[in-house]
Amino acid sequence: MIPWLARRLLWSLLMLVLLMTMVFAIVRLAPGDPLDAGAAESVDARERQLLRERLGLDEPLAGQYVRWVSACLRGDWGLSLRQQRPVADVVGEAVGPTLLLTLTAYLLHLALAVLAAVAMAAYRGRFIDHLVGGAGLVLLSLPGFWLGLMLLLLFARQLGWFPAGGLQSVDAALLPAGARLLDLLRHLALPAATLALGSYMGTARYVRAALDEAMGQEFILAARSRGVSERRLLWRHALPHALLPLITLAGLHLPQLLGGAVVVEVVFGWPGLGRVSVEAIGARDYPVIMATTFLSAVLVTAGSLLADAGYRRADPRVRLTGPGTP
């Protein structure tokens, strides 16, 4: 386990370095000047040049890269060009909302996937099977921004059940603890539902295939011969066996949810990493772009490592260290 983990960490570190190097070059080679968005119109050419020198934007690309790497190794992510405050503060405020949104959406995603898979497996070939599968595929094919806008139009504007956006109400700080939690959940409901509804069917199809395979295993046939009901066979015997692949799929779903969260956060005005990244790209805010990219890459890498380690722990037959491992 330890040698495998060391190799995975080494490869993950190498991939992070390559990714950040590519992103560093791409954002600086893209057209546009960050000072056009970050500096006031009253700043004259001389002051603009001094600002460019202070930020190191007048140096060659290689020099800027060395300067950025050395600062990062010291724990200094620099100042936001647009907000003129430390990048660590900008990103730190956005991490919590993004994690809250993605984890809530993933739990809802799993619940919907398991329920849909069980329904399709229990009513295989019947109307419910086709209805659940067809509805899930329709939701899977819809663009995330369109689905989010439709949920906003129906549940926020027409019915008024949920707020239209944001993390909390303006007067949330004045509410008691229980009311603040309820207010947060109401703001979280539509963004999390948008992420979950747009992705759960992919997982449901995996679980349904695993259920079909498990129902043909010898232990299921033995239990059926003892008179165990089909409902109990499905829920108590086949489903735990079919859920094992979800551990590995978790490592694949995290990048998908983080990518979808970018669109969802913009649609719902959710103050997370996705929205901060979009605003930073529009303003050519290089330090914030690099910080949000790095943090997202770390979250994806950590999710993949945890999924592989969890699968190895759950199924000792799996050998992730390659051929010849004892």
Protein backbone atom coordinates (compact mmCIF):
# COMPACT_ATOMS: atom_id res chain seq x y z
CA MET A 1 0.00 0.00 0.00
CA ILE A 2 2.72 2.49 0.95
CA PRO A 3 4.85 1.96 -2.22
CA TRP A 4 1.73 2.31 -4.38
CA LEU A 5 0.70 5.48 -2.55
CA ALA A 6 4.21 6.95 -2.90
CA ARG A 7 4.20 6.31 -6.66
CA ARG A 8 0.74 7.78 -7.06
CA LEU A 9 1.70 10.89 -5.09
CA LEU A 10 4.83 11.32 -7.21
CA TRP A 11 2.89 11.03 -10.47
CA SER A 12 0.20 13.36 -9.15
CA LEU A 13 2.81 15.95 -8.24
CA LEU A 14 4.36 15.69 -11.71
CA MET A 15 0.95 16.13 -13.35
CA LEU A 16 0.23 19.16 -11.20
CA VAL A 17 3.52 20.77 -12.20
CA LEU A 18 2.87 20.14 -15.91
CA LEU A 19 -0.71 21.40 -15.64
CA MET A 20 0.22 24.60 -13.85
CA THR A 21 3.05 25.27 -16.30
CA MET A 22 0.66 24.93 -19.25
CA VAL A 23 -1.98 27.13 -17.62
CA PHE A 24 0.63 29.74 -16.73
CA ALA A 25 1.74 29.98 -20.36
CA ILE A 26 -1.75 29.90 -21.86
CA VAL A 27 -3.27 32.66 -19.73
CA ARG A 28 -0.35 34.99 -20.41
CA LEU A 29 -0.21 34.30 -24.13
CA ALA A 30 -3.94 34.94 -24.49
CA PRO A 31 -4.84 38.38 -25.91
CA GLY A 32 -5.65 41.15 -23.46
CA ASP A 33 -3.85 43.22 -20.84
CA PRO A 34 -4.75 42.69 -17.17
CA LEU A 35 -4.00 46.34 -16.44
CA ASP A 36 -6.76 47.43 -18.80
CA ALA A 37 -9.28 45.81 -16.47
CA GLY A 38 -7.52 46.28 -13.16
CA ALA A 39 -6.23 49.84 -13.41
CA ALA A 40 -8.41 52.90 -13.25
CA GLU A 41 -8.84 55.09 -16.34
CA SER A 42 -7.18 58.00 -14.52
CA VAL A 43 -3.87 56.11 -14.26
CA ASP A 44 -1.45 57.65 -16.75
CA ALA A 45 1.11 55.80 -18.87
CA ARG A 46 3.96 56.36 -16.38
CA GLU A 47 2.02 54.99 -13.44
CA ARG A 48 0.83 52.10 -15.57
CA GLN A 49 4.42 51.23 -16.46
CA LEU A 50 5.49 51.39 -12.81
CA LEU A 51 2.61 49.11 -11.90
CA ARG A 52 3.61 46.70 -14.66
CA GLU A 53 7.18 46.59 -13.31
CA ARG A 54 6.01 46.09 -9.73
CA LEU A 55 3.84 43.13 -10.78
CA GLY A 56 6.60 41.68 -12.95
CA LEU A 57 4.50 41.84 -16.12
CA ASP A 58 7.35 43.49 -18.03
CA GLU A 59 9.61 40.46 -17.61
CA PRO A 60 9.94 37.65 -20.17
CA LEU A 61 7.58 34.70 -19.77
CA ALA A 62 10.30 32.49 -18.28
CA GLY A 63 11.19 35.17 -15.75
CA GLN A 64 7.57 35.58 -14.74
CA TYR A 65 7.27 31.82 -14.29
CA VAL A 66 10.36 31.60 -12.06
CA ARG A 67 9.10 34.54 -10.03
CA TRP A 68 5.66 32.95 -9.62
CA VAL A 69 7.05 29.53 -8.63
CA SER A 70 9.41 31.00 -6.06
CA ALA A 71 6.58 33.04 -4.53
CA CYS A 72 4.30 30.00 -4.39
CA LEU A 73 6.98 27.96 -2.64
CA ARG A 74 7.03 30.66 0.02
CA GLY A 75 3.24 30.40 0.34
CA ASP A 76 2.64 33.75 -1.37
CA TRP A 77 -0.02 33.62 -4.12
CA GLY A 78 0.23 37.36 -4.71
CA LEU A 79 -2.44 40.04 -4.96
CA SER A 80 -5.57 39.92 -7.06
CA LEU A 81 -5.16 42.39 -9.93
CA ARG A 82 -8.89 43.07 -9.98
CA GLN A 83 -9.71 43.17 -6.26
CA GLN A 84 -6.36 44.39 -4.96
CA ARG A 85 -6.31 42.02 -2.00
CA PRO A 86 -4.44 38.77 -1.27
CA VAL A 87 -5.32 35.89 -3.56
CA ALA A 88 -5.36 33.56 -0.55
CA ASP A 89 -8.27 35.55 0.88
CA VAL A 90 -10.17 35.59 -2.43
CA VAL A 91 -9.79 31.85 -2.95
CA GLY A 92 -10.25 30.97 0.72
CA GLU A 93 -13.68 32.61 0.75
CA ALA A 94 -14.74 30.59 -2.32
CA VAL A 95 -13.52 27.12 -1.29
CA GLY A 96 -16.17 26.51 1.37
CA PRO A 97 -19.19 27.31 -0.84
CA THR A 98 -17.82 25.17 -3.68
CA LEU A 99 -17.17 22.17 -1.43
CA LEU A 100 -20.61 22.55 0.13
CA LEU A 101 -22.25 22.65 -3.30
CA THR A 102 -20.30 19.77 -4.86
CA LEU A 103 -20.57 17.43 -1.86
CA THR A 104 -24.30 18.07 -1.47
CA ALA A 105 -24.82 17.57 -5.20
CA TYR A 106 -22.82 14.34 -5.13
CA LEU A 107 -24.85 12.89 -2.25
CA LEU A 108 -28.06 13.77 -4.10
CA HIS A 109 -26.52 12.36 -7.28
CA LEU A 110 -25.82 9.03 -5.55
CA ALA A 111 -29.29 8.83 -4.01
CA LEU A 112 -30.98 9.46 -7.36
CA ALA A 113 -28.65 7.04 -9.15
CA VAL A 114 -29.29 4.18 -6.71
CA LEU A 115 -33.06 4.70 -6.70
CA ALA A 116 -33.19 4.88 -10.49
CA ALA A 117 -30.97 1.80 -10.90
CA VAL A 118 -33.06 -0.26 -8.48
CA ALA A 119 -36.29 0.83 -10.18
CA MET A 120 -34.95 -0.09 -13.63
CA ALA A 121 -33.61 -3.43 -12.39
CA ALA A 122 -36.80 -4.33 -10.48
CA TYR A 123 -39.05 -3.49 -13.44
CA ARG A 124 -36.72 -4.57 -16.22
CA GLY A 125 -38.37 -4.28 -19.62
CA ARG A 126 -41.55 -2.72 -18.23
CA PHE A 127 -43.01 0.76 -18.48
CA ILE A 128 -41.28 2.04 -15.32
CA ASP A 129 -37.91 0.87 -16.64
CA HIS A 130 -38.38 2.83 -19.88
CA LEU A 131 -39.85 5.86 -18.09
CA VAL A 132 -37.05 6.18 -15.52
CA GLY A 133 -34.33 5.49 -18.07
CA GLY A 134 -35.79 7.87 -20.65
CA ALA A 135 -36.27 10.71 -18.17
CA GLY A 136 -32.72 10.29 -16.90
CA LEU A 137 -31.24 10.33 -20.39
CA VAL A 138 -33.19 13.50 -21.23
CA LEU A 139 -31.81 15.22 -18.11
CA LEU A 140 -28.32 13.94 -18.92
CA SER A 141 -28.47 15.48 -22.39
CA LEU A 142 -29.61 18.94 -21.25
CA PRO A 143 -26.99 21.70 -20.94
CA GLY A 144 -26.35 22.60 -17.33
CA PHE A 145 -27.01 26.31 -17.78
CA TRP A 146 -30.37 25.64 -19.48
CA LEU A 147 -31.49 23.19 -16.81
CA GLY A 148 -30.49 25.66 -14.10
CA LEU A 149 -32.37 28.50 -15.79
CA MET A 150 -35.49 26.34 -16.14
CA LEU A 151 -35.37 25.40 -12.46
CA LEU A 152 -34.96 29.06 -11.60
CA LEU A 153 -37.91 30.04 -13.78
CA LEU A 154 -40.20 27.37 -12.34
CA PHE A 155 -39.28 27.08 -8.66
CA ALA A 156 -37.93 30.57 -7.93
CA ARG A 157 -39.91 32.92 -10.15
CA GLN A 158 -43.19 31.12 -10.83
CA LEU A 159 -43.71 29.15 -7.60
CA GLY A 160 -41.48 31.18 -5.28
CA TRP A 161 -40.42 28.12 -3.30
CA PHE A 162 -36.68 28.87 -3.41
CA PRO A 163 -34.53 32.00 -3.69
CA ALA A 164 -33.16 32.88 -7.12
CA GLY A 165 -29.49 32.90 -6.17
CA GLY A 166 -26.74 33.64 -3.71
CA LEU A 167 -25.49 31.79 -0.66
CA GLN A 168 -27.78 33.35 1.93
CA SER A 169 -30.34 36.07 2.39
CA VAL A 170 -29.32 39.64 3.15
CA ASP A 171 -30.64 39.42 6.72
CA ALA A 172 -29.29 35.90 7.39
CA ALA A 173 -26.90 37.16 10.07
CA LEU A 174 -29.87 38.39 12.12
CA LEU A 175 -31.66 35.03 12.07
CA PRO A 176 -31.37 32.36 14.79
CA ALA A 177 -29.16 29.33 14.09
CA GLY A 178 -31.97 27.05 12.91
CA ALA A 179 -33.40 29.69 10.59
CA ARG A 180 -29.93 30.41 9.15
CA LEU A 181 -29.46 26.71 8.38
CA LEU A 182 -32.86 26.54 6.70
CA ASP A 183 -32.04 29.67 4.72
CA LEU A 184 -28.76 28.11 3.57
CA LEU A 185 -30.51 24.88 2.52
CA ARG A 186 -33.10 26.84 0.54
CA HIS A 187 -30.34 28.67 -1.34
CA LEU A 188 -28.46 25.40 -1.86
CA ALA A 189 -31.41 23.37 -3.17
CA LEU A 190 -31.60 24.56 -6.78
CA PRO A 191 -27.83 24.64 -7.56
CA ALA A 192 -27.31 21.19 -6.04
CA ALA A 193 -30.36 19.80 -7.85
CA THR A 194 -29.07 21.18 -11.15
CA LEU A 195 -25.73 19.41 -10.75
CA ALA A 196 -27.29 16.15 -9.55
CA LEU A 197 -30.10 15.95 -12.10
CA GLY A 198 -27.71 16.56 -14.96
CA SER A 199 -25.36 13.70 -14.06
CA TYR A 200 -27.04 10.96 -12.03
CA MET A 201 -28.19 8.78 -14.94
CA GLY A 202 -24.61 7.95 -15.95
CA THR A 203 -24.03 6.44 -12.51
CA ALA A 204 -27.46 4.79 -12.51
CA ARG A 205 -26.62 2.90 -15.70
CA TYR A 206 -23.42 1.56 -14.10
CA VAL A 207 -25.30 0.45 -10.99
CA ARG A 208 -28.09 -1.09 -13.03
CA ALA A 209 -25.58 -3.13 -15.07
CA ALA A 210 -23.88 -4.23 -11.84
CA LEU A 211 -27.26 -5.21 -10.39
CA ASP A 212 -28.10 -7.29 -13.45
CA GLU A 213 -24.76 -9.06 -13.15
CA ALA A 214 -25.16 -9.61 -9.39
CA MET A 215 -28.65 -11.07 -9.77
CA GLY A 216 -27.14 -13.90 -11.82
CA GLN A 217 -24.46 -14.79 -9.25
CA GLU A 218 -24.52 -18.09 -7.38
CA PHE A 219 -25.12 -16.50 -3.97
CA ILE A 220 -28.29 -14.87 -5.34
CA LEU A 221 -29.47 -18.17 -6.80
CA ALA A 222 -28.79 -19.88 -3.47
CA ALA A 223 -30.74 -17.22 -1.57
CA ARG A 224 -33.62 -17.45 -4.05
CA SER A 225 -33.74 -21.22 -3.60
CA ARG A 226 -34.19 -20.65 0.15
CA GLY A 227 -37.32 -18.63 -0.55
CA VAL A 228 -35.90 -15.11 -0.10
CA SER A 229 -38.21 -12.55 -1.75
CA GLU A 230 -37.10 -10.71 -4.89
CA ARG A 231 -37.30 -7.37 -3.13
CA ARG A 232 -34.99 -8.56 -0.36
CA LEU A 233 -32.65 -10.16 -2.90
CA LEU A 234 -32.38 -6.88 -4.74
CA TRP A 235 -31.95 -4.53 -1.78
CA ARG A 236 -30.10 -6.66 0.79
CA HIS A 237 -28.00 -9.00 -1.36
CA ALA A 238 -27.45 -7.64 -4.87
CA LEU A 239 -27.29 -3.88 -4.16
CA PRO A 240 -24.31 -3.93 -1.73
CA HIS A 241 -22.40 -6.01 -4.29
CA ALA A 242 -23.34 -3.58 -7.10
CA LEU A 243 -22.30 -0.45 -5.15
CA LEU A 244 -18.61 -1.40 -5.11
CA PRO A 245 -17.87 0.23 -8.51
CA LEU A 246 -19.21 3.54 -7.13
CA ILE A 247 -16.01 3.91 -5.11
CA THR A 248 -13.98 4.09 -8.30
CA LEU A 249 -16.58 6.23 -10.07
CA ALA A 250 -16.31 8.79 -7.26
CA GLY A 251 -12.86 9.73 -8.55
CA LEU A 252 -14.34 10.37 -12.00
CA HIS A 253 -17.37 12.29 -10.76
CA LEU A 254 -15.43 14.94 -8.83
CA PRO A 255 -13.91 16.55 -11.98
CA GLN A 256 -17.34 16.38 -13.62
CA LEU A 257 -19.03 18.09 -10.68
CA LEU A 258 -16.34 20.75 -10.37
CA GLY A 259 -16.60 21.46 -14.08
CA GLY A 260 -20.38 21.65 -13.91
CA ALA A 261 -20.19 23.81 -10.81
CA VAL A 262 -18.52 26.56 -12.85
CA VAL A 263 -21.66 27.02 -14.95
CA VAL A 264 -24.05 26.46 -12.05
CA GLU A 265 -22.29 28.97 -9.81
CA VAL A 266 -22.53 31.64 -12.51
CA VAL A 267 -26.22 30.92 -13.18
CA PHE A 268 -27.19 31.00 -9.50
CA GLY A 269 -24.72 33.64 -8.34
CA TRP A 270 -23.10 31.11 -6.02
CA PRO A 271 -19.89 32.59 -4.51
CA GLY A 272 -17.61 29.61 -5.21
CA LEU A 273 -14.44 28.80 -7.10
CA GLY A 274 -16.24 28.52 -10.43
CA ARG A 275 -17.68 32.00 -10.30
CA VAL A 276 -14.40 33.45 -9.03
CA SER A 277 -12.55 31.73 -11.89
CA VAL A 278 -14.92 33.07 -14.55
CA GLU A 279 -14.62 36.61 -13.20
CA ALA A 280 -10.82 36.28 -13.00
CA ILE A 281 -10.58 35.05 -16.61
CA GLY A 282 -12.70 37.97 -17.82
CA ALA A 283 -10.48 40.44 -15.94
CA ARG A 284 -7.17 38.69 -16.88
CA ASP A 285 -6.52 38.35 -13.15
CA TYR A 286 -3.52 36.00 -13.51
CA PRO A 287 -2.84 35.30 -9.80
CA VAL A 288 -6.45 34.31 -9.11
CA ILE A 289 -6.64 32.15 -12.24
CA MET A 290 -3.53 30.24 -11.20
CA ALA A 291 -4.72 29.80 -7.61
CA THR A 292 -8.20 28.54 -8.53
CA THR A 293 -6.76 26.18 -11.17
CA PHE A 294 -4.24 24.78 -8.73
CA LEU A 295 -6.82 24.26 -5.99
CA SER A 296 -9.27 22.58 -8.38
CA ALA A 297 -6.50 20.29 -9.65
CA VAL A 298 -5.55 19.36 -6.08
CA LEU A 299 -9.18 18.55 -5.23
CA VAL A 300 -9.53 16.36 -8.33
CA THR A 301 -6.24 14.56 -7.65
CA ALA A 302 -7.12 13.99 -4.00
CA GLY A 303 -10.53 12.63 -5.00
CA SER A 304 -8.95 10.20 -7.43
CA LEU A 305 -6.42 8.99 -4.85
CA LEU A 306 -9.09 8.51 -2.19
CA ALA A 307 -11.29 6.60 -4.63
CA ASP A 308 -8.48 4.24 -5.64
CA ALA A 309 -7.42 3.72 -2.04
CA GLY A 310 -11.01 3.10 -0.98
CA TYR A 311 -11.52 0.56 -3.76
CA ARG A 312 -8.35 -1.24 -2.73
CA ARG A 313 -9.55 -1.32 0.87
CA ALA A 314 -13.06 -2.48 -0.07
CA ASP A 315 -11.90 -5.22 -2.45
CA PRO A 316 -8.57 -6.86 -1.48
CA ARG A 317 -8.55 -8.71 -4.81
CA VAL A 318 -7.73 -5.47 -6.60
CA ARG A 319 -4.02 -4.84 -7.20
CA LEU A 320 -3.34 -1.23 -8.07
CA THR A 321 0.44 -1.48 -7.94
CA GLY A 322 0.81 -3.31 -11.24
CA PRO A 323 1.73 -6.81 -12.37
CA GLY A 324 3.81 -8.92 -10.09
CA THR A 325 2.59 -7.34 -6.86
CA PRO A 326 2.40 -9.89 -4.05
